[in-house]
């Protein structure tokens, strides 16, 4: 069999995410309820994980023309499984610190290029949140959060009945009961505003990627190479039922509520560290899944040719400026949710994301993948924080019949001092705050986010 016959083309986005300018890694953490059985991990990899997609048993190579492709290889599973050893008989606080240090170190280490771009790390020591932790380290070039979450959840079972599939919260928005005529009349002004939002959104995105940088602030150090520094991670859990109460009271989306809460909490933190920074120019990049779907699909559906739920990286960024913090806005915490609603709605009612994608394709065709990756990196570096979220299962799940108490994920590699990721699981929204170690004080940031939720929740119930 010739070499060309075993090579599979890499998508442009996968090449952007594995370049000299960018290298993103997703770290998914499963918090286990009981002690971890090592043998289950090996059988999981052999019987389920490797068969999900050929990319999990492929390495990245360059063909004769220098074009990167996937090459199928034999996988020695022992090379991809790691189980660190810590001193025995120590306290939970000690192991908690060991876990956090290990996660931080893991994020700064590059995956070896001579074997498939994933690893599993098993930490069989009790922490504050779990009896043990399993960390999936997967390079972003293998797929985005939607693809990788779909793959992972395909391999996990429901605790109550393993024969049934895991289910997810409905993402369908309520439909308008008006007539077609009314719908058409509402659509007319939307077309004109869409043109305005498109021009503004695309122009602003272009400026943010080239010459317009966010101000340095308590959440943006602005130093070169921030992605290579160690980070710290802490998590917060919120009740999804309470988030829904806010959503229904204000007639917005869950994403609007979360984004508004993060906006307010972040500004409160900035005020606490440096009062002058409350009025700094600060932008959040909100990750948007661009698939035209309303929920996860099976792996078989993802890998079908021309599927609208196809495997890979299909995402874009919405650039959302954080409102400046004033005394009047402090007295009206709902302002931040309503502002987030308007900003996100305006950007979705535009073709700016499409035009930005076309612009990236233009750069790729003219200057190549490395130049395109440099442009994407500049967009990230010139902003202050990234926000990404995924929908998790409603029912408790098990990894090889071992119950999972909780889960969350972080993204390593973005050139930003703060990255906020979140996922829902069994009635809770788990938020992970990943920040530049020694620069952002998580002991102050976390309470500010929690306080923002409390005041928004209280104000929404009283509205």
Protein backbone atom coordinates (compact mmCIF):
# COMPACT_ATOMS: atom_id res chain seq x y z
CA UNK A 1 0.00 0.00 0.00
CA UNK A 2 1.47 3.38 -1.01
CA UNK A 3 1.92 6.23 1.43
CA UNK A 4 -0.73 8.38 -0.24
CA UNK A 5 -3.33 5.65 0.34
CA UNK A 6 -3.01 5.80 4.13
CA UNK A 7 -3.10 9.59 4.47
CA UNK A 8 -6.28 11.52 5.22
CA UNK A 9 -6.44 15.27 4.52
CA UNK A 10 -6.57 17.61 7.50
CA UNK A 11 -9.20 20.35 7.55
CA UNK A 12 -7.94 23.96 7.35
CA UNK A 13 -9.11 24.63 10.93
CA UNK A 14 -7.24 21.59 12.24
CA UNK A 15 -4.08 22.92 10.62
CA UNK A 16 -4.63 26.36 12.17
CA UNK A 17 -4.95 24.76 15.62
CA UNK A 18 -1.73 22.78 15.20
CA UNK A 19 0.73 25.36 13.91
CA UNK A 20 3.71 27.36 15.11
CA UNK A 21 1.30 30.14 16.14
CA UNK A 22 -1.47 28.11 17.81
CA UNK A 23 -1.70 24.85 19.73
CA UNK A 24 -4.89 24.28 21.72
CA UNK A 25 -5.53 21.35 24.02
CA UNK A 26 -8.80 20.37 25.70
CA UNK A 27 -8.53 18.94 29.20
CA UNK A 28 -11.72 17.15 30.27
CA UNK A 29 -11.94 16.18 33.93
CA UNK A 30 -14.17 13.36 35.17
CA UNK A 31 -14.63 13.45 38.95
CA UNK A 32 -15.25 9.90 40.14
CA UNK A 33 -17.52 8.97 43.02
CA UNK A 34 -15.55 5.85 44.04
CA UNK A 35 -11.96 4.61 43.82
CA UNK A 36 -10.81 4.20 40.21
CA UNK A 37 -10.28 0.73 38.71
CA UNK A 38 -7.35 0.89 36.26
CA UNK A 39 -8.42 -2.18 34.30
CA UNK A 40 -11.65 -0.48 33.24
CA UNK A 41 -9.68 2.34 31.59
CA UNK A 42 -7.74 -0.07 29.37
CA UNK A 43 -10.85 -1.93 28.25
CA UNK A 44 -12.58 1.40 27.61
CA UNK A 45 -9.81 2.46 25.24
CA UNK A 46 -9.64 -0.86 23.41
CA UNK A 47 -13.37 -1.51 23.09
CA UNK A 48 -14.74 2.01 22.61
CA UNK A 49 -12.41 4.98 22.35
CA UNK A 50 -10.13 3.95 19.45
CA UNK A 51 -13.06 2.81 17.32
CA UNK A 52 -14.88 6.16 17.56
CA UNK A 53 -12.84 7.88 14.88
CA UNK A 54 -9.66 7.02 12.91
CA UNK A 55 -8.06 10.27 14.16
CA UNK A 56 -7.68 8.74 17.63
CA UNK A 57 -5.22 6.24 16.11
CA UNK A 58 -3.51 8.63 13.69
CA UNK A 59 -0.55 10.97 13.82
CA UNK A 60 0.03 14.22 11.97
CA UNK A 61 2.50 14.03 9.06
CA UNK A 62 3.45 16.16 6.05
CA UNK A 63 3.19 14.78 2.53
CA UNK A 64 5.72 15.36 -0.27
CA UNK A 65 4.30 18.84 -0.88
CA UNK A 66 4.49 19.79 2.79
CA UNK A 67 0.70 19.53 3.30
CA UNK A 68 -0.23 18.10 6.70
CA UNK A 69 -2.39 14.98 6.80
CA UNK A 70 -3.52 12.26 9.19
CA UNK A 71 -1.68 8.94 9.03
CA UNK A 72 -3.10 5.78 10.62
CA UNK A 73 -0.67 4.04 12.99
CA UNK A 74 -0.61 1.19 15.48
CA UNK A 75 -1.37 2.53 18.98
CA UNK A 76 0.48 1.32 22.05
CA UNK A 77 -2.10 2.23 24.68
CA UNK A 78 0.39 2.15 27.55
CA UNK A 79 2.16 5.15 25.99
CA UNK A 80 -1.01 7.24 26.22
CA UNK A 81 -2.04 6.34 29.78
CA UNK A 82 -0.38 7.98 32.77
CA UNK A 83 -0.95 7.50 36.49
CA UNK A 84 1.17 9.83 38.66
CA UNK A 85 2.31 8.81 42.13
CA UNK A 86 2.04 11.16 45.12
CA UNK A 87 3.09 10.54 48.76
CA UNK A 88 0.59 8.25 50.50
CA UNK A 89 -1.37 8.98 53.67
CA UNK A 90 -1.62 12.75 53.12
CA UNK A 91 -4.64 15.00 53.69
CA UNK A 92 -7.35 15.81 51.12
CA UNK A 93 -6.09 19.42 51.01
CA UNK A 94 -2.62 18.15 50.11
CA UNK A 95 -3.95 15.99 47.26
CA UNK A 96 -6.15 18.85 46.11
CA UNK A 97 -3.05 20.99 45.70
CA UNK A 98 -1.23 18.13 43.96
CA UNK A 99 -4.12 17.75 41.53
CA UNK A 100 -4.23 21.48 40.71
CA UNK A 101 -0.47 21.62 40.17
CA UNK A 102 -0.61 18.51 37.99
CA UNK A 103 -3.43 19.96 35.86
CA UNK A 104 -1.50 23.21 35.43
CA UNK A 105 1.70 21.38 34.44
CA UNK A 106 -0.23 19.11 32.09
CA UNK A 107 -1.65 22.08 30.23
CA UNK A 108 1.75 23.61 29.51
CA UNK A 109 3.25 20.40 28.11
CA UNK A 110 2.92 19.68 24.40
CA UNK A 111 1.61 16.30 23.27
CA UNK A 112 4.29 14.12 21.60
CA UNK A 113 4.07 14.28 17.79
CA UNK A 114 5.13 10.66 17.25
CA UNK A 115 1.92 9.18 18.64
CA UNK A 116 -1.83 10.04 18.51
CA UNK A 117 -2.64 13.44 19.98
CA UNK A 118 -4.43 12.37 23.14
CA UNK A 119 -3.64 11.08 26.62
CA UNK A 120 -5.52 9.83 29.67
CA UNK A 121 -4.24 10.68 33.15
CA UNK A 122 -5.58 8.76 36.16
CA UNK A 123 -5.18 10.39 39.57
CA UNK A 124 -6.24 7.89 42.22
CA UNK A 125 -6.12 10.29 45.16
CA UNK A 126 -9.09 11.89 46.96
CA UNK A 127 -9.70 15.61 46.45
CA UNK A 128 -12.35 17.93 47.86
CA UNK A 129 -14.69 17.10 44.99
CA UNK A 130 -13.99 13.45 44.18
CA UNK A 131 -12.56 10.10 45.26
CA UNK A 132 -10.33 10.25 42.17
CA UNK A 133 -10.03 12.09 38.85
CA UNK A 134 -9.61 11.01 35.24
CA UNK A 135 -8.24 13.66 32.87
CA UNK A 136 -8.71 13.35 29.11
CA UNK A 137 -6.09 15.45 27.33
CA UNK A 138 -7.03 15.79 23.65
CA UNK A 139 -5.58 18.14 21.07
CA UNK A 140 -8.09 20.57 19.60
CA UNK A 141 -7.03 19.65 16.05
CA UNK A 142 -8.79 16.30 16.54
CA UNK A 143 -12.14 18.09 16.91
CA UNK A 144 -13.98 20.85 18.71
CA UNK A 145 -15.86 20.53 21.98
CA UNK A 146 -19.02 19.35 20.21
CA UNK A 147 -17.19 16.50 18.44
CA UNK A 148 -15.15 15.43 21.44
CA UNK A 149 -18.05 15.65 23.88
CA UNK A 150 -20.19 13.60 21.53
CA UNK A 151 -17.41 11.02 21.30
CA UNK A 152 -16.87 10.84 25.04
CA UNK A 153 -20.56 10.58 25.85
CA UNK A 154 -20.98 7.82 23.28
CA UNK A 155 -18.67 5.71 25.44
CA UNK A 156 -20.29 6.49 28.79
CA UNK A 157 -23.42 4.93 30.26
CA UNK A 158 -26.36 6.03 32.32
CA UNK A 159 -26.04 4.98 35.95
CA UNK A 160 -29.74 4.17 36.30
CA UNK A 161 -29.97 2.08 33.11
CA UNK A 162 -26.85 1.48 30.97
CA UNK A 163 -29.02 0.21 28.09
CA UNK A 164 -30.56 3.68 27.62
CA UNK A 165 -28.73 6.60 25.95
CA UNK A 166 -27.83 9.74 27.89
CA UNK A 167 -30.22 12.62 27.25
CA UNK A 168 -29.62 16.36 27.12
CA UNK A 169 -31.58 19.52 27.88
CA UNK A 170 -33.70 20.77 25.01
CA UNK A 171 -32.07 23.57 23.05
CA UNK A 172 -35.13 24.43 21.01
CA UNK A 173 -36.21 28.02 21.31
CA UNK A 174 -39.87 28.83 21.65
CA UNK A 175 -41.63 29.45 18.37
CA UNK A 176 -43.54 32.54 17.51
CA UNK A 177 -47.27 31.94 17.25
CA UNK A 178 -47.85 34.95 14.98
CA UNK A 179 -49.03 34.73 11.37
CA UNK A 180 -46.78 34.50 8.37
CA UNK A 181 -47.64 38.08 7.49
CA UNK A 182 -46.60 39.35 10.92
CA UNK A 183 -43.45 37.25 10.70
CA UNK A 184 -42.64 38.80 7.31
CA UNK A 185 -43.25 42.34 8.59
CA UNK A 186 -40.91 41.72 11.50
CA UNK A 187 -38.31 40.32 9.13
CA UNK A 188 -38.14 43.46 6.96
CA UNK A 189 -36.52 45.79 9.53
CA UNK A 190 -34.38 42.88 10.68
CA UNK A 191 -32.81 42.71 7.21
CA UNK A 192 -31.73 46.35 7.37
CA UNK A 193 -30.44 46.11 10.94
CA UNK A 194 -28.66 42.90 9.93
CA UNK A 195 -26.75 44.80 7.25
CA UNK A 196 -25.69 47.41 9.80
CA UNK A 197 -24.66 44.78 12.35
CA UNK A 198 -22.76 42.89 9.65
CA UNK A 199 -20.76 45.94 8.60
CA UNK A 200 -20.04 46.92 12.20
CA UNK A 201 -19.28 43.39 13.40
CA UNK A 202 -16.95 42.48 10.54
CA UNK A 203 -15.17 45.84 10.65
CA UNK A 204 -14.70 45.68 14.40
CA UNK A 205 -13.51 42.06 14.23
CA UNK A 206 -10.94 43.05 11.60
CA UNK A 207 -9.66 45.90 13.77
CA UNK A 208 -9.46 43.69 16.86
CA UNK A 209 -7.38 41.20 14.88
CA UNK A 210 -4.92 43.81 13.64
CA UNK A 211 -4.52 47.15 15.40
CA UNK A 212 -7.11 47.53 18.17
CA UNK A 213 -6.03 45.92 21.45
CA UNK A 214 -7.90 45.71 24.74
CA UNK A 215 -6.42 47.78 27.53
CA UNK A 216 -4.11 46.08 29.99
CA UNK A 217 -6.16 45.38 33.08
CA UNK A 218 -6.42 43.06 36.11
CA UNK A 219 -7.65 40.31 33.73
CA UNK A 220 -5.26 41.01 30.83
CA UNK A 221 -1.52 41.13 31.42
CA UNK A 222 -0.83 41.62 27.71
CA UNK A 223 2.58 39.92 27.97
CA UNK A 224 4.03 37.88 25.12
CA UNK A 225 3.92 34.13 25.59
CA UNK A 226 1.17 34.15 28.21
CA UNK A 227 -0.03 30.80 26.82
CA UNK A 228 3.24 29.18 27.94
CA UNK A 229 2.88 30.30 31.55
CA UNK A 230 1.37 28.10 34.24
CA UNK A 231 -2.29 28.65 35.00
CA UNK A 232 -4.54 28.01 37.96
CA UNK A 233 -8.05 26.55 37.75
CA UNK A 234 -10.96 26.80 40.16
CA UNK A 235 -14.57 25.79 39.59
CA UNK A 236 -17.99 27.06 40.64
CA UNK A 237 -21.37 25.30 40.44
CA UNK A 238 -24.72 27.02 39.92
CA UNK A 239 -28.25 25.64 39.88
CA UNK A 240 -29.64 25.38 36.35
CA UNK A 241 -33.17 25.76 37.74
CA UNK A 242 -32.20 29.15 39.19
CA UNK A 243 -30.58 30.18 35.90
CA UNK A 244 -33.81 29.21 34.14
CA UNK A 245 -35.79 31.35 36.57
CA UNK A 246 -33.70 34.37 35.58
CA UNK A 247 -34.03 33.44 31.90
CA UNK A 248 -37.83 33.21 32.08
CA UNK A 249 -38.21 36.41 34.10
CA UNK A 250 -36.15 38.45 31.64
CA UNK A 251 -37.24 36.60 28.46
CA UNK A 252 -33.66 35.94 27.39
CA UNK A 253 -31.55 32.82 26.86
CA UNK A 254 -29.48 30.82 29.34
CA UNK A 255 -26.35 31.98 27.47
CA UNK A 256 -27.42 35.60 27.95
CA UNK A 257 -27.80 35.03 31.70
CA UNK A 258 -24.41 33.34 32.01
CA UNK A 259 -22.62 35.93 29.86
CA UNK A 260 -24.20 38.80 31.80
CA UNK A 261 -23.25 37.20 35.09
CA UNK A 262 -19.64 36.76 33.96
CA UNK A 263 -19.54 40.34 32.68
CA UNK A 264 -20.68 41.75 36.01
CA UNK A 265 -18.52 39.43 38.11
CA UNK A 266 -15.43 40.18 36.05
CA UNK A 267 -15.97 43.94 36.26
CA UNK A 268 -16.45 43.66 40.04
CA UNK A 269 -13.14 41.83 40.29
CA UNK A 270 -11.42 44.45 38.17
CA UNK A 271 -12.86 47.19 40.41
CA UNK A 272 -11.59 45.40 43.51
CA UNK A 273 -8.05 45.15 42.11
CA UNK A 274 -7.86 48.55 40.40
CA UNK A 275 -10.81 50.94 40.50
CA UNK A 276 -9.65 52.77 37.37
CA UNK A 277 -9.90 49.56 35.34
CA UNK A 278 -13.72 49.58 35.59
CA UNK A 279 -13.82 51.76 32.49
CA UNK A 280 -11.11 49.96 30.51
CA UNK A 281 -11.78 48.61 27.04
CA UNK A 282 -12.35 44.91 27.66
CA UNK A 283 -13.64 42.29 25.22
CA UNK A 284 -14.74 38.69 25.67
CA UNK A 285 -14.61 36.16 22.85
CA UNK A 286 -17.66 33.91 23.10
CA UNK A 287 -17.24 30.61 21.26
CA UNK A 288 -20.13 29.78 18.92
CA UNK A 289 -20.85 26.32 17.50
CA UNK A 290 -21.71 26.97 13.84
CA UNK A 291 -23.47 23.65 13.18
CA UNK A 292 -27.14 23.96 12.31
CA UNK A 293 -28.22 21.56 15.07
CA UNK A 294 -30.18 21.54 18.32
CA UNK A 295 -28.33 18.81 20.21
CA UNK A 296 -25.65 16.13 20.08
CA UNK A 297 -25.79 13.50 17.36
CA UNK A 298 -24.37 9.99 17.33
CA UNK A 299 -20.82 9.39 16.12
CA UNK A 300 -22.22 7.46 13.13
CA UNK A 301 -24.18 10.56 12.09
CA UNK A 302 -21.16 12.84 12.58
CA UNK A 303 -18.87 10.88 10.26
CA UNK A 304 -21.37 10.56 7.38
CA UNK A 305 -20.30 12.47 4.24
CA UNK A 306 -21.87 15.96 3.92
CA UNK A 307 -23.49 15.72 7.36
CA UNK A 308 -24.56 19.05 8.89
CA UNK A 309 -23.41 17.61 12.22
CA UNK A 310 -20.04 16.55 10.89
CA UNK A 311 -17.02 15.76 13.01
CA UNK A 312 -14.22 18.30 13.25
CA UNK A 313 -13.87 21.96 14.17
CA UNK A 314 -16.89 24.08 13.28
CA UNK A 315 -16.91 27.14 15.47
CA UNK A 316 -16.55 30.90 15.39
CA UNK A 317 -16.02 33.70 17.88
CA UNK A 318 -18.49 36.40 18.85
CA UNK A 319 -16.68 39.48 20.13
CA UNK A 320 -18.64 40.85 23.09
CA UNK A 321 -17.41 44.09 24.73
CA UNK A 322 -17.84 44.21 28.51
CA UNK A 323 -19.97 47.18 29.64
CA UNK A 324 -18.04 49.71 31.68
CA UNK A 325 -18.93 49.59 35.38
CA UNK A 326 -20.65 52.68 36.80
CA UNK A 327 -22.57 53.34 39.99
CA UNK A 328 -25.92 53.35 38.16
CA UNK A 329 -25.16 49.98 36.60
CA UNK A 330 -24.18 48.56 39.99
CA UNK A 331 -27.66 49.48 41.21
CA UNK A 332 -29.19 47.62 38.25
CA UNK A 333 -27.41 44.24 37.94
CA UNK A 334 -29.98 43.06 35.36
CA UNK A 335 -28.47 45.62 32.97
CA UNK A 336 -25.59 43.23 32.32
CA UNK A 337 -27.87 40.35 31.32
CA UNK A 338 -29.97 42.61 29.08
CA UNK A 339 -26.83 44.08 27.54
CA UNK A 340 -25.43 40.62 26.86
CA UNK A 341 -28.76 39.67 25.27
CA UNK A 342 -28.66 42.68 22.92
CA UNK A 343 -25.00 42.25 21.99
CA UNK A 344 -25.26 38.54 21.23
CA UNK A 345 -28.58 38.95 19.39
CA UNK A 346 -27.17 41.74 17.23
CA UNK A 347 -24.12 39.71 16.30
CA UNK A 348 -26.21 36.64 15.49
CA UNK A 349 -28.45 38.87 13.32
CA UNK A 350 -25.53 39.57 11.04
CA UNK A 351 -23.28 37.83 8.57
CA UNK A 352 -20.11 39.01 10.31
CA UNK A 353 -19.19 35.47 11.40
CA UNK A 354 -19.62 34.23 7.81
CA UNK A 355 -17.56 37.10 6.37
CA UNK A 356 -14.83 36.52 8.94
CA UNK A 357 -14.71 32.86 7.90
CA UNK A 358 -14.43 33.85 4.25
CA UNK A 359 -11.68 36.32 5.13
CA UNK A 360 -9.74 33.55 6.88
CA UNK A 361 -10.13 31.37 3.77
CA UNK A 362 -8.79 34.25 1.68
CA UNK A 363 -5.70 34.58 3.90
CA UNK A 364 -5.17 30.80 3.74
CA UNK A 365 -5.30 30.73 -0.07
CA UNK A 366 -2.99 33.72 -0.46
CA UNK A 367 -0.54 33.30 2.44
CA UNK A 368 -1.08 29.78 3.76
CA UNK A 369 -2.13 28.12 7.02
CA UNK A 370 0.60 29.62 9.19
CA UNK A 371 -0.37 33.19 8.29
CA UNK A 372 -4.03 32.38 8.98
CA UNK A 373 -3.11 30.92 12.37
CA UNK A 374 -1.13 34.09 13.15
CA UNK A 375 -4.23 36.16 12.37
CA UNK A 376 -6.41 34.03 14.67
CA UNK A 377 -3.80 34.26 17.42
CA UNK A 378 -3.76 38.06 17.11
CA UNK A 379 -7.55 38.12 17.53
CA UNK A 380 -7.25 36.13 20.75
CA UNK A 381 -4.24 38.03 22.08
CA UNK A 382 -5.84 41.44 21.50
CA UNK A 383 -8.88 40.52 23.61
CA UNK A 384 -9.11 39.89 27.36
CA UNK A 385 -10.89 36.59 27.90
CA UNK A 386 -12.49 33.61 26.22
CA UNK A 387 -15.87 32.07 27.08
CA UNK A 388 -16.90 28.59 25.93
CA UNK A 389 -19.78 26.37 27.00
CA UNK A 390 -21.19 22.93 26.27
CA UNK A 391 -24.36 21.09 27.17
CA UNK A 392 -23.90 17.98 29.30
CA UNK A 393 -26.21 15.07 30.17
CA UNK A 394 -29.24 15.30 32.43
CA UNK A 395 -28.74 11.88 34.05
CA UNK A 396 -25.79 10.74 36.19
CA UNK A 397 -23.32 8.87 33.99
CA UNK A 398 -20.73 6.17 34.55
CA UNK A 399 -17.28 5.49 33.14
CA UNK A 400 -17.01 1.72 32.84
CA UNK A 401 -19.80 1.33 35.43
CA UNK A 402 -17.97 3.70 37.80
CA UNK A 403 -20.28 6.64 38.66
CA UNK A 404 -19.11 10.14 37.70
CA UNK A 405 -19.77 12.68 40.43
CA UNK A 406 -19.02 15.69 38.23
CA UNK A 407 -17.23 16.90 35.12
CA UNK A 408 -15.73 20.06 33.68
CA UNK A 409 -13.24 21.05 31.00
CA UNK A 410 -10.58 23.66 30.37
CA UNK A 411 -8.84 24.82 27.21
CA UNK A 412 -5.06 25.22 27.28
CA UNK A 413 -3.10 27.28 24.77
CA UNK A 414 -5.05 30.50 24.09
CA UNK A 415 -2.85 33.62 24.48
CA UNK A 416 -5.18 35.12 27.09
CA UNK A 417 -4.85 35.58 30.85
CA UNK A 418 -8.40 34.37 31.54
CA UNK A 419 -10.48 31.59 29.99
CA UNK A 420 -13.92 30.62 31.29
CA UNK A 421 -15.45 27.28 30.30
CA UNK A 422 -18.68 25.69 31.44
CA UNK A 423 -20.76 22.55 31.08
CA UNK A 424 -24.09 21.42 32.51
CA UNK A 425 -24.47 18.11 34.34
CA UNK A 426 -27.36 16.72 36.39
CA UNK A 427 -29.03 20.05 37.18
CA UNK A 428 -25.82 22.01 37.80
CA UNK A 429 -23.78 24.36 35.64
CA UNK A 430 -20.09 23.84 36.35
CA UNK A 431 -17.92 26.84 35.51
CA UNK A 432 -14.13 26.55 35.36
CA UNK A 433 -12.08 29.73 35.77
CA UNK A 434 -8.65 29.20 34.20
CA UNK A 435 -6.29 32.11 34.74
CA UNK A 436 -2.66 33.15 34.48
CA UNK A 437 -0.96 31.99 37.65
CA UNK A 438 0.49 34.77 39.79
CA UNK A 439 -1.38 37.46 37.87
CA UNK A 440 -5.09 36.87 38.52
CA UNK A 441 -6.15 36.27 42.13
CA UNK A 442 -8.71 33.46 41.95
CA UNK A 443 -9.53 33.84 45.64
CA UNK A 444 -11.00 37.24 44.72
CA UNK A 445 -12.32 36.46 41.22
CA UNK A 446 -14.43 33.45 42.27
CA UNK A 447 -16.40 35.32 45.01
CA UNK A 448 -17.06 38.17 42.54
CA UNK A 449 -18.65 35.75 40.04
CA UNK A 450 -20.70 34.16 42.84
CA UNK A 451 -21.83 37.58 44.09
CA UNK A 452 -22.82 38.61 40.55
CA UNK A 453 -25.07 35.54 40.31
CA UNK A 454 -26.66 36.28 43.69
CA UNK A 455 -27.55 39.91 42.92
CA UNK A 456 -28.79 39.08 39.41
CA UNK A 457 -30.94 36.23 40.75
CA UNK A 458 -32.40 38.40 43.50
CA UNK A 459 -33.10 41.31 41.15
CA UNK A 460 -34.73 39.00 38.58
CA UNK A 461 -37.12 37.52 41.15
CA UNK A 462 -38.09 41.02 42.26
CA UNK A 463 -38.52 42.31 38.71
